[in-house]
Amino acid sequence: MSPTRRFAVPPRSGLILAACALLVLAFAPAQYFGRQQDDLLYFFGARALAEGRYCLETSPGCPPLAMINPGWPLLLAPLARVTDSPAAFQAFAALVLALAPIAVWAWLRRRTDEATGLLGAALFASCPLALAQAGVAMSEAPYAIALLAMLALVEDRRARAAGGLAALLLLLRTAGVAALPALLLPSLRARRWREAAFAAAPPALAYGLWTAWSWSRTRGVDKLSLLAETYRGRGVSKPLAIAAANARYYLAAWGGCFLPPSRADGLLALALGAALAAAAAAGVARALRRRRDDPAAWALLGAAALHALWGWQYERYMIPLLPLLAWALAVGLGRAAKPALACLLALQLGAQVLPRLGRASPWAEPELALSYAWLAARPRPALLASAEHVRDGWYAGLPNVGLPDDARAEDFAARLKSLRVAYVLRADASDIGLGADPSSATRLALERAYSHLDDARLFRVVHEEPAEGAAIYAPL
């Protein structure tokens, strides 16, 4: 494709892409600010970076934000220097996600054709998994754009620029490690060692610096520590069980995009997702037969392997994979690709998007609004402890800390007292993304902490909201 054609936008394509962007904006904000807690952490990280530090200002002592990769906060920091209004961050996040369908089109048309590129862009823009994140300050949308740009640069043999974007991927999300085979294999297979070195240096340097900083502050690297904890002391059955559970979860999530909400969580969704995955796998196999180091194929394989092993499950993890899946489907379906993608688009629009267009978001208000209101009315100062303490503290207007991890109830209570915690919020309906792993150390620690709260010798219930599945305790 010539450079002129590559960047030319036919008028019809421009109209379709504008409609895609407007559709994304029409669903923003899809969630209340801070619902996923990580978006609040990115917000506080950006504010901290704008002040020349990187720590969580809402917790006593401003502990280092080693649990959040700094890439997205770095991109948000200029905005944080101008305003700390959550609405501004939501608007910026919505604009970034609205640009993603254009990036999908620009990348797909390089590998397929104009019509397929537009269908892929429309499928992305109307995907309920993406629309659920419209206006949410999470890192998946910028990651998806950076990933597609990196793949395009790899295909153009622009090693330095591709390596720079790979560094950004790793700083945005540790999941960027899954893109490294796509970055390096073409150079390594062709024995272009200098090119491979130029590509590998930026991500190695960037993640090395981040790891060194994190280790110097916490004696650990959060995501690596979590992965190690997931499998520590487990047999070979553990990764197999997690991979199987993750496959069921993500296949059903993908298949459910094309079904009415009432059918989006059942066996039909799983079966449809499995059928689509089989077609995509055929596309990857066909692409690798043509070119054994195909960057898109290896990016998709790397992501699939990563999310098979990662113990946490969130639908938003699929957002960066949607363009790659659309490409793999197009390759796997061959001549049937355009009608099949058009049919999927019609199903997605008719079953999921159009019925929700113009309606209020189901996540417009905090699920624990009554509990937050009660906490907000308590005398100051008061320190709050909870599992999702950053979000809970934000809405309660209280400084906050996480729950201690102590095996004995007495030690748990003593730790809270030493921190001078006034209230402990228990929310039984919290989604911590560990439904696939009942034996997760994180999940077991939360269940253990909640069991400690039931010890009447150490804690008393000071407020309950049964409709929210929440209770507030005070240490005795």
Protein backbone atom coordinates (compact mmCIF):
# COMPACT_ATOMS: atom_id res chain seq x y z
CA MET A 1 0.00 0.00 0.00
CA SER A 2 1.45 3.36 -0.99
CA PRO A 3 1.90 6.05 1.70
CA THR A 4 -0.65 8.26 -0.08
CA ARG A 5 -3.33 5.57 -0.08
CA ARG A 6 -2.43 4.47 3.43
CA PHE A 7 -3.37 7.81 4.94
CA ALA A 8 -6.19 8.77 2.55
CA VAL A 9 -9.69 8.57 4.00
CA PRO A 10 -12.47 8.06 1.44
CA PRO A 11 -15.53 10.23 2.20
CA ARG A 12 -17.78 7.23 2.92
CA SER A 13 -15.16 5.80 5.24
CA GLY A 14 -14.85 9.14 7.01
CA LEU A 15 -18.59 9.19 7.69
CA ILE A 16 -18.58 5.63 9.03
CA LEU A 17 -15.59 6.32 11.25
CA ALA A 18 -17.20 9.50 12.55
CA ALA A 19 -20.31 7.48 13.39
CA CYS A 20 -18.13 4.95 15.23
CA ALA A 21 -16.51 7.67 17.30
CA LEU A 22 -19.86 9.30 18.06
CA LEU A 23 -21.31 5.96 19.15
CA VAL A 24 -18.53 5.56 21.70
CA LEU A 25 -19.06 9.11 22.96
CA ALA A 26 -22.81 8.52 23.22
CA PHE A 27 -22.22 5.86 25.89
CA ALA A 28 -19.86 7.97 28.00
CA PRO A 29 -19.59 7.95 30.92
CA ALA A 30 -20.57 4.30 31.03
CA GLN A 31 -19.68 3.97 34.72
CA TYR A 32 -19.44 6.23 37.70
CA PHE A 33 -15.99 7.57 38.39
CA GLY A 34 -13.89 5.13 40.39
CA ARG A 35 -16.16 2.10 40.02
CA GLN A 36 -13.23 -0.14 39.08
CA GLN A 37 -10.87 1.50 41.60
CA ASP A 38 -7.96 1.26 39.15
CA ASP A 39 -9.32 4.33 37.35
CA LEU A 40 -9.09 6.21 40.63
CA LEU A 41 -5.55 4.94 41.13
CA TYR A 42 -4.61 6.24 37.68
CA PHE A 43 -6.24 9.56 38.60
CA PHE A 44 -4.28 9.84 41.85
CA GLY A 45 -1.13 8.67 40.07
CA ALA A 46 -1.50 11.45 37.49
CA ARG A 47 -2.05 14.02 40.23
CA ALA A 48 1.01 12.77 42.10
CA LEU A 49 3.21 12.84 38.98
CA ALA A 50 2.07 16.38 38.26
CA GLU A 51 3.48 17.25 41.70
CA GLY A 52 6.75 15.39 41.12
CA ARG A 53 6.03 12.22 43.14
CA TYR A 54 4.28 8.86 42.67
CA CYS A 55 2.35 7.84 45.74
CA LEU A 56 -1.21 7.42 47.00
CA GLU A 57 -2.15 10.66 48.71
CA THR A 58 -5.36 9.30 50.25
CA SER A 59 -3.52 6.83 52.51
CA PRO A 60 -1.48 7.85 55.56
CA GLY A 61 2.16 8.43 54.69
CA CYS A 62 1.45 8.59 50.93
CA PRO A 63 2.65 5.02 50.18
CA PRO A 64 4.26 4.43 46.75
CA LEU A 65 1.92 3.54 43.89
CA ALA A 66 3.90 0.45 43.00
CA MET A 67 0.74 -1.49 42.17
CA ILE A 68 -0.06 0.75 39.17
CA ASN A 69 2.19 0.90 36.10
CA PRO A 70 3.03 4.55 35.47
CA GLY A 71 2.37 4.75 31.71
CA TRP A 72 -1.27 5.86 31.83
CA PRO A 73 -0.74 8.26 34.75
CA LEU A 74 2.16 9.79 32.78
CA LEU A 75 -0.15 10.41 29.83
CA LEU A 76 -2.77 11.86 32.18
CA ALA A 77 -0.32 14.02 34.14
CA PRO A 78 -0.55 17.07 31.80
CA LEU A 79 -4.31 17.08 32.32
CA ALA A 80 -3.81 16.77 36.07
CA ARG A 81 -1.69 19.92 36.03
CA VAL A 82 -4.67 21.82 34.62
CA THR A 83 -7.56 20.31 36.56
CA ASP A 84 -8.46 17.63 39.08
CA SER A 85 -12.08 17.43 37.94
CA PRO A 86 -13.12 13.78 37.46
CA ALA A 87 -15.35 14.88 34.56
CA ALA A 88 -12.29 16.11 32.66
CA PHE A 89 -10.58 12.73 33.05
CA GLN A 90 -13.75 10.93 31.98
CA ALA A 91 -14.04 13.15 28.89
CA PHE A 92 -10.40 12.57 27.96
CA ALA A 93 -10.79 8.80 28.39
CA ALA A 94 -13.91 8.88 26.20
CA LEU A 95 -12.00 10.70 23.45
CA VAL A 96 -9.17 8.16 23.59
CA LEU A 97 -11.62 5.27 23.24
CA ALA A 98 -13.41 7.12 20.43
CA LEU A 99 -10.10 7.24 18.53
CA ALA A 100 -9.61 3.48 18.86
CA PRO A 101 -12.04 2.49 16.03
CA ILE A 102 -10.09 4.80 13.70
CA ALA A 103 -6.87 3.04 14.73
CA VAL A 104 -8.55 -0.33 14.11
CA TRP A 105 -9.59 0.75 10.61
CA ALA A 106 -6.15 2.17 9.80
CA TRP A 107 -4.44 -1.05 10.86
CA LEU A 108 -6.91 -3.51 9.33
CA ARG A 109 -6.95 -1.86 5.90
CA ARG A 110 -3.17 -2.36 5.74
CA ARG A 111 -3.69 -6.11 6.05
CA THR A 112 -7.04 -6.65 4.36
CA ASP A 113 -9.10 -4.07 2.46
CA GLU A 114 -11.18 -0.96 3.04
CA ALA A 115 -14.49 -2.73 3.65
CA THR A 116 -13.02 -5.19 6.13
CA GLY A 117 -11.26 -2.35 7.90
CA LEU A 118 -14.53 -0.49 8.28
CA LEU A 119 -16.36 -3.58 9.49
CA GLY A 120 -13.64 -4.18 12.07
CA ALA A 121 -13.83 -0.58 13.24
CA ALA A 122 -17.61 -0.75 13.54
CA LEU A 123 -17.44 -4.06 15.40
CA PHE A 124 -15.02 -2.52 17.86
CA ALA A 125 -17.01 0.68 18.32
CA SER A 126 -20.26 -1.19 18.92
CA CYS A 127 -18.82 -3.95 21.09
CA PRO A 128 -20.54 -3.85 24.50
CA LEU A 129 -17.22 -4.75 26.14
CA ALA A 130 -15.72 -1.54 24.78
CA LEU A 131 -18.80 0.61 25.30
CA ALA A 132 -18.91 -0.45 28.94
CA GLN A 133 -15.57 1.38 29.32
CA ALA A 134 -16.56 4.58 27.48
CA GLY A 135 -15.42 7.52 29.57
CA VAL A 136 -13.68 5.27 32.11
CA ALA A 137 -10.08 6.31 32.79
CA MET A 138 -8.63 2.83 32.35
CA SER A 139 -5.57 1.84 30.34
CA GLU A 140 -7.05 -0.68 27.87
CA ALA A 141 -8.00 1.89 25.21
CA PRO A 142 -4.59 3.62 24.97
CA TYR A 143 -2.97 0.18 25.13
CA ALA A 144 -5.05 -1.03 22.17
CA ILE A 145 -4.07 2.00 20.09
CA ALA A 146 -0.39 1.67 20.99
CA LEU A 147 -0.45 -2.07 20.22
CA LEU A 148 -1.84 -1.53 16.71
CA ALA A 149 0.68 1.23 16.07
CA MET A 150 3.51 -1.02 17.23
CA LEU A 151 2.38 -3.84 14.94
CA ALA A 152 2.26 -1.44 11.99
CA LEU A 153 5.78 -0.23 12.74
CA VAL A 154 7.07 -3.81 13.02
CA GLU A 155 5.60 -4.53 9.59
CA ASP A 156 7.36 -1.43 8.24
CA ARG A 157 10.66 -2.52 9.86
CA ARG A 158 10.91 0.65 11.92
CA ALA A 159 12.64 -1.02 14.85
CA ARG A 160 13.41 2.00 17.02
CA ALA A 161 9.90 3.40 16.85
CA ALA A 162 8.35 -0.04 17.38
CA GLY A 163 10.57 -0.58 20.41
CA GLY A 164 9.49 2.77 21.84
CA LEU A 165 5.85 1.78 21.56
CA ALA A 166 6.61 -1.61 23.12
CA ALA A 167 8.10 0.28 26.06
CA LEU A 168 4.89 2.28 26.32
CA LEU A 169 2.86 -0.93 26.24
CA LEU A 170 4.78 -2.35 29.18
CA LEU A 171 4.42 0.88 31.14
CA LEU A 172 0.71 1.00 30.38
CA ARG A 173 0.08 -2.63 31.33
CA THR A 174 2.39 -5.47 32.27
CA ALA A 175 0.34 -7.46 29.74
CA GLY A 176 2.57 -5.73 27.18
CA VAL A 177 4.98 -8.62 27.67
CA ALA A 178 2.63 -10.66 25.44
CA ALA A 179 3.45 -8.33 22.51
CA LEU A 180 7.21 -8.88 22.71
CA PRO A 181 7.23 -11.96 20.43
CA ALA A 182 5.44 -9.90 17.77
CA LEU A 183 8.06 -7.18 18.21
CA LEU A 184 11.15 -9.35 18.05
CA LEU A 185 10.45 -12.50 16.03
CA PRO A 186 10.58 -10.90 12.55
CA SER A 187 14.04 -9.47 13.22
CA LEU A 188 15.33 -12.57 14.99
CA ARG A 189 14.15 -15.00 12.29
CA ALA A 190 15.79 -12.87 9.60
CA ARG A 191 18.96 -12.60 11.73
CA ARG A 192 18.79 -8.85 11.70
CA TRP A 193 20.51 -8.67 15.06
CA ARG A 194 21.06 -4.91 15.07
CA GLU A 195 17.40 -4.29 14.31
CA ALA A 196 16.35 -6.72 17.05
CA ALA A 197 18.61 -4.95 19.53
CA PHE A 198 17.16 -1.56 18.65
CA ALA A 199 13.65 -2.97 19.12
CA ALA A 200 14.39 -4.74 22.39
CA ALA A 201 16.32 -1.96 24.12
CA PRO A 202 13.47 0.51 24.87
CA PRO A 203 11.07 -2.00 26.52
CA ALA A 204 13.93 -3.60 28.45
CA LEU A 205 15.11 -0.21 29.71
CA ALA A 206 11.63 1.09 30.51
CA TYR A 207 10.48 -1.97 32.41
CA GLY A 208 13.87 -2.34 34.06
CA LEU A 209 13.66 1.19 35.44
CA TRP A 210 10.08 0.67 36.60
CA THR A 211 11.03 -2.63 38.25
CA ALA A 212 14.03 -1.06 39.97
CA TRP A 213 11.92 1.81 41.30
CA SER A 214 9.18 -0.52 42.49
CA TRP A 215 11.67 -2.85 44.18
CA SER A 216 13.41 0.05 45.89
CA ARG A 217 10.11 1.17 47.43
CA THR A 218 8.30 -2.08 48.19
CA ARG A 219 10.82 -4.92 47.77
CA GLY A 220 8.59 -6.37 45.08
CA VAL A 221 7.05 -5.92 41.63
CA ASP A 222 3.29 -6.02 42.04
CA LYS A 223 2.11 -7.92 38.96
CA LEU A 224 4.98 -10.40 39.09
CA SER A 225 4.36 -10.96 42.79
CA LEU A 226 0.67 -11.57 42.15
CA LEU A 227 1.44 -14.09 39.42
CA ALA A 228 3.95 -15.90 41.62
CA GLU A 229 1.44 -15.99 44.49
CA THR A 230 -1.18 -17.50 42.20
CA TYR A 231 0.92 -20.58 41.52
CA ARG A 232 3.13 -20.84 44.59
CA GLY A 233 3.00 -24.36 46.03
CA ARG A 234 0.47 -25.57 43.46
CA GLY A 235 0.59 -28.63 41.25
CA VAL A 236 0.26 -28.83 37.48
CA SER A 237 -3.53 -28.91 37.80
CA LYS A 238 -3.65 -25.28 38.96
CA PRO A 239 -2.66 -23.63 35.64
CA LEU A 240 -4.87 -26.08 33.75
CA ALA A 241 -7.86 -25.25 35.93
CA ILE A 242 -7.30 -21.49 35.60
CA ALA A 243 -6.80 -21.75 31.83
CA ALA A 244 -10.04 -23.73 31.44
CA ALA A 245 -12.00 -21.30 33.61
CA ASN A 246 -10.57 -18.29 31.78
CA ALA A 247 -11.39 -19.84 28.41
CA ARG A 248 -15.01 -20.33 29.45
CA TYR A 249 -15.21 -16.79 30.80
CA TYR A 250 -13.72 -14.97 27.81
CA LEU A 251 -15.39 -17.12 25.16
CA ALA A 252 -18.78 -16.51 26.77
CA ALA A 253 -18.01 -12.79 27.06
CA TRP A 254 -17.16 -12.58 23.37
CA GLY A 255 -20.08 -14.69 22.22
CA GLY A 256 -22.47 -12.78 24.45
CA CYS A 257 -21.72 -9.58 22.55
CA PHE A 258 -23.92 -10.83 19.71
CA LEU A 259 -26.87 -12.06 21.79
CA PRO A 260 -29.62 -10.36 23.76
CA PRO A 261 -28.63 -9.61 27.38
CA SER A 262 -30.89 -12.38 28.65
CA ARG A 263 -28.83 -14.94 26.70
CA ALA A 264 -25.43 -13.27 27.01
CA ASP A 265 -24.22 -15.32 29.99
CA GLY A 266 -25.37 -18.82 29.11
CA LEU A 267 -24.31 -21.85 27.10
CA LEU A 268 -25.37 -20.25 23.82
CA ALA A 269 -22.92 -17.40 24.40
CA LEU A 270 -20.16 -19.90 25.21
CA ALA A 271 -20.93 -21.97 22.11
CA LEU A 272 -20.95 -18.90 19.87
CA GLY A 273 -17.72 -17.63 21.40
CA ALA A 274 -16.11 -21.04 20.88
CA ALA A 275 -17.20 -21.09 17.23
CA LEU A 276 -15.78 -17.62 16.66
CA ALA A 277 -12.56 -18.59 18.42
CA ALA A 278 -12.24 -21.66 16.17
CA ALA A 279 -12.59 -19.46 13.09
CA ALA A 280 -10.05 -17.00 14.52
CA ALA A 281 -7.64 -19.84 15.32
CA ALA A 282 -7.95 -21.03 11.71
CA GLY A 283 -7.09 -17.49 10.64
CA VAL A 284 -4.00 -17.41 12.84
CA ALA A 285 -2.89 -20.81 11.51
CA ARG A 286 -3.40 -19.63 7.92
CA ALA A 287 -1.46 -16.43 8.60
CA LEU A 288 1.43 -18.38 10.13
CA ARG A 289 1.55 -20.72 7.14
CA ARG A 290 1.99 -17.67 4.94
CA ARG A 291 4.50 -16.02 7.24
CA ARG A 292 5.83 -17.84 10.28
CA ASP A 293 6.72 -14.63 12.09
CA ASP A 294 3.49 -12.74 11.36
CA PRO A 295 3.40 -10.00 14.06
CA ALA A 296 -0.40 -9.91 14.41
CA ALA A 297 -0.61 -13.68 14.79
CA TRP A 298 2.07 -13.72 17.48
CA ALA A 299 0.51 -10.76 19.28
CA LEU A 300 -2.79 -12.65 19.46
CA LEU A 301 -1.12 -15.90 20.52
CA GLY A 302 0.87 -14.09 23.19
CA ALA A 303 -2.21 -12.40 24.57
CA ALA A 304 -4.16 -15.66 24.58
CA ALA A 305 -1.37 -17.41 26.50
CA LEU A 306 -1.12 -14.57 29.01
CA HIS A 307 -4.82 -14.42 29.74
CA ALA A 308 -5.01 -18.19 30.01
CA LEU A 309 -2.54 -18.05 32.90
CA TRP A 310 -3.50 -14.80 34.63
CA GLY A 311 -5.81 -15.55 37.54
CA TRP A 312 -7.90 -12.38 37.36
CA GLN A 313 -10.89 -12.17 35.01
CA TYR A 314 -12.28 -8.89 33.68
CA GLU A 315 -14.17 -8.38 30.43
CA ARG A 316 -12.20 -5.19 29.77
CA TYR A 317 -9.09 -7.32 29.23
CA MET A 318 -10.57 -8.29 25.85
CA ILE A 319 -10.67 -4.74 24.50
CA PRO A 320 -7.10 -4.73 23.08
CA LEU A 321 -7.76 -8.16 21.55
CA LEU A 322 -10.86 -7.15 19.59
CA PRO A 323 -8.97 -5.74 16.56
CA LEU A 324 -6.71 -8.80 16.42
CA LEU A 325 -9.72 -11.11 16.66
CA ALA A 326 -11.49 -9.24 13.85
CA TRP A 327 -8.40 -9.65 11.67
CA ALA A 328 -8.06 -13.35 12.54
CA LEU A 329 -11.74 -13.92 11.74
CA ALA A 330 -11.34 -12.19 8.38
CA VAL A 331 -8.35 -14.37 7.50
CA GLY A 332 -9.96 -17.55 8.78
CA LEU A 333 -13.29 -17.02 7.01
CA GLY A 334 -11.73 -16.09 3.69
CA ARG A 335 -14.34 -15.13 1.09
CA ALA A 336 -17.09 -15.39 3.67
CA ALA A 337 -15.40 -12.82 5.90
CA LYS A 338 -17.28 -9.68 4.85
CA PRO A 339 -20.81 -11.14 5.06
CA ALA A 340 -19.93 -12.89 8.31
CA LEU A 341 -18.51 -9.73 9.90
CA ALA A 342 -21.50 -7.75 8.65
CA CYS A 343 -23.84 -10.32 10.21
CA LEU A 344 -21.96 -10.11 13.51
CA LEU A 345 -22.18 -6.33 13.37
CA ALA A 346 -25.94 -6.47 12.78
CA LEU A 347 -26.39 -8.92 15.67
CA GLN A 348 -24.27 -6.77 17.99
CA LEU A 349 -26.12 -3.58 17.11
CA GLY A 350 -29.56 -5.13 17.25
CA ALA A 351 -29.16 -7.29 20.34
CA GLN A 352 -26.93 -5.15 22.53
CA VAL A 353 -26.26 -1.60 21.39
CA LEU A 354 -29.43 -0.07 19.98
CA PRO A 355 -31.65 -1.24 22.88
CA ARG A 356 -29.25 0.51 25.31
CA LEU A 357 -28.62 3.66 23.28
CA GLY A 358 -29.90 6.73 25.10
CA ARG A 359 -30.66 4.85 28.32
CA ALA A 360 -29.06 5.57 31.65
CA SER A 361 -26.06 3.43 32.51
CA PRO A 362 -26.74 0.61 35.00
CA TRP A 363 -23.52 1.73 36.72
CA ALA A 364 -24.36 5.42 36.94
CA GLU A 365 -24.39 5.45 40.75
CA PRO A 366 -22.18 3.71 43.33
CA GLU A 367 -23.56 0.38 44.51
CA LEU A 368 -22.68 1.34 48.09
CA ALA A 369 -24.09 4.86 47.96
CA LEU A 370 -26.02 4.54 51.25
CA SER A 371 -23.00 3.13 53.07
CA TYR A 372 -20.85 5.95 51.74
CA ALA A 373 -23.40 8.53 52.84
CA TRP A 374 -23.39 7.16 56.38
CA LEU A 375 -19.60 7.20 56.51
CA ALA A 376 -19.43 10.70 55.06
CA ALA A 377 -21.61 11.94 57.92
CA ARG A 378 -19.26 10.62 60.65
CA PRO A 379 -17.10 13.02 62.66
CA ARG A 380 -13.61 13.71 61.33
CA PRO A 381 -10.87 12.62 61.40
CA ALA A 382 -11.62 8.97 60.76
CA LEU A 383 -9.62 6.35 58.87
CA LEU A 384 -11.45 3.78 56.75
CA ALA A 385 -10.25 0.25 55.93
CA SER A 386 -11.79 -1.89 53.20
CA ALA A 387 -10.99 -4.22 50.31
CA GLU A 388 -11.55 -1.50 47.67
CA HIS A 389 -10.33 1.20 49.99
CA VAL A 390 -9.37 3.85 47.42
CA ARG A 391 -12.82 3.89 45.85
CA ASP A 392 -14.61 3.55 49.18
CA GLY A 393 -12.55 6.30 50.78
CA TRP A 394 -13.13 8.59 47.80
CA TYR A 395 -16.90 8.39 48.08
CA ALA A 396 -16.92 8.41 51.87
CA GLY A 397 -14.56 11.38 51.91
CA LEU A 398 -12.19 9.57 54.29
CA PRO A 399 -8.50 8.69 54.28
CA ASN A 400 -8.17 4.99 53.73
CA VAL A 401 -6.06 1.86 53.94
CA GLY A 402 -6.42 -1.70 52.71
CA LEU A 403 -7.36 -4.63 54.90
CA PRO A 404 -4.46 -6.34 56.69
CA ASP A 405 -3.61 -9.94 55.83
CA ASP A 406 -3.36 -11.68 59.20
CA ALA A 407 -4.20 -15.29 59.92
CA ARG A 408 -5.39 -14.63 63.48
CA ALA A 409 -8.30 -12.36 64.28
CA GLU A 410 -6.43 -10.87 67.23
CA ASP A 411 -3.49 -9.87 65.00
CA PHE A 412 -5.87 -8.49 62.39
CA ALA A 413 -7.62 -6.31 64.98
CA ALA A 414 -4.33 -5.22 66.53
CA ARG A 415 -3.01 -4.12 63.14
CA LEU A 416 -6.11 -2.03 62.48
CA LYS A 417 -5.82 -0.44 65.92
CA SER A 418 -2.15 0.37 65.35
CA LEU A 419 -3.16 2.17 62.16
CA ARG A 420 -5.92 3.99 64.10
CA VAL A 421 -8.65 2.69 61.82
CA ALA A 422 -12.06 3.96 62.91
CA TYR A 423 -14.28 2.02 60.49
CA VAL A 424 -14.05 -1.17 58.44
CA LEU A 425 -16.35 -1.50 55.45
CA ARG A 426 -17.42 -4.98 54.42
CA ALA A 427 -19.01 -5.38 50.97
CA ASP A 428 -19.99 -8.97 50.25
CA ALA A 429 -20.82 -8.29 46.60
CA SER A 430 -17.40 -6.90 45.67
CA ASP A 431 -16.11 -8.04 42.28
CA ILE A 432 -12.38 -8.68 42.64
CA GLY A 433 -12.10 -10.62 39.37
CA LEU A 434 -11.23 -13.97 40.97
CA GLY A 435 -14.29 -16.02 40.20
CA ALA A 436 -12.15 -18.53 38.32
CA ASP A 437 -9.91 -19.26 41.26
CA PRO A 438 -11.58 -20.13 44.57
CA SER A 439 -8.17 -21.00 46.04
CA SER A 440 -6.57 -17.64 45.14
CA ALA A 441 -4.43 -16.28 47.96
CA THR A 442 -5.99 -12.85 47.46
CA ARG A 443 -9.51 -14.20 47.59
CA LEU A 444 -8.79 -16.35 50.62
CA ALA A 445 -7.21 -13.39 52.41
CA LEU A 446 -10.36 -11.33 51.82
CA GLU A 447 -12.61 -14.13 53.06
CA ARG A 448 -10.39 -14.54 56.11
CA ALA A 449 -10.51 -10.81 56.85
CA TYR A 450 -14.31 -10.83 56.65
CA SER A 451 -14.45 -13.82 58.98
CA HIS A 452 -12.33 -11.87 61.51
CA LEU A 453 -14.93 -9.11 61.48
CA ASP A 454 -17.50 -11.59 62.78
CA ASP A 455 -15.56 -11.93 66.03
CA ALA A 456 -17.76 -10.03 68.50
CA ARG A 457 -14.89 -9.79 70.97
CA LEU A 458 -12.93 -7.58 68.58
CA PHE A 459 -15.47 -5.77 66.38
CA ARG A 460 -18.98 -4.45 66.57
CA VAL A 461 -21.36 -3.61 63.75
CA VAL A 462 -22.12 0.11 63.78
CA HIS A 463 -24.16 0.29 60.59
CA GLU A 464 -25.71 -2.10 58.06
CA GLU A 465 -27.17 -1.70 54.57
CA PRO A 466 -28.70 -5.10 53.73
CA ALA A 467 -29.86 -3.96 50.30
CA GLU A 468 -26.25 -3.19 49.42
CA GLY A 469 -24.84 -6.32 51.05
CA ALA A 470 -22.69 -4.05 53.18
CA ALA A 471 -21.88 -3.56 56.84
CA ILE A 472 -19.64 -1.18 58.70
CA TYR A 473 -17.64 -2.28 61.75
CA ALA A 474 -15.69 -0.48 64.44
CA PRO A 475 -12.74 -2.10 66.25
CA LEU A 476 -13.35 -2.55 69.97
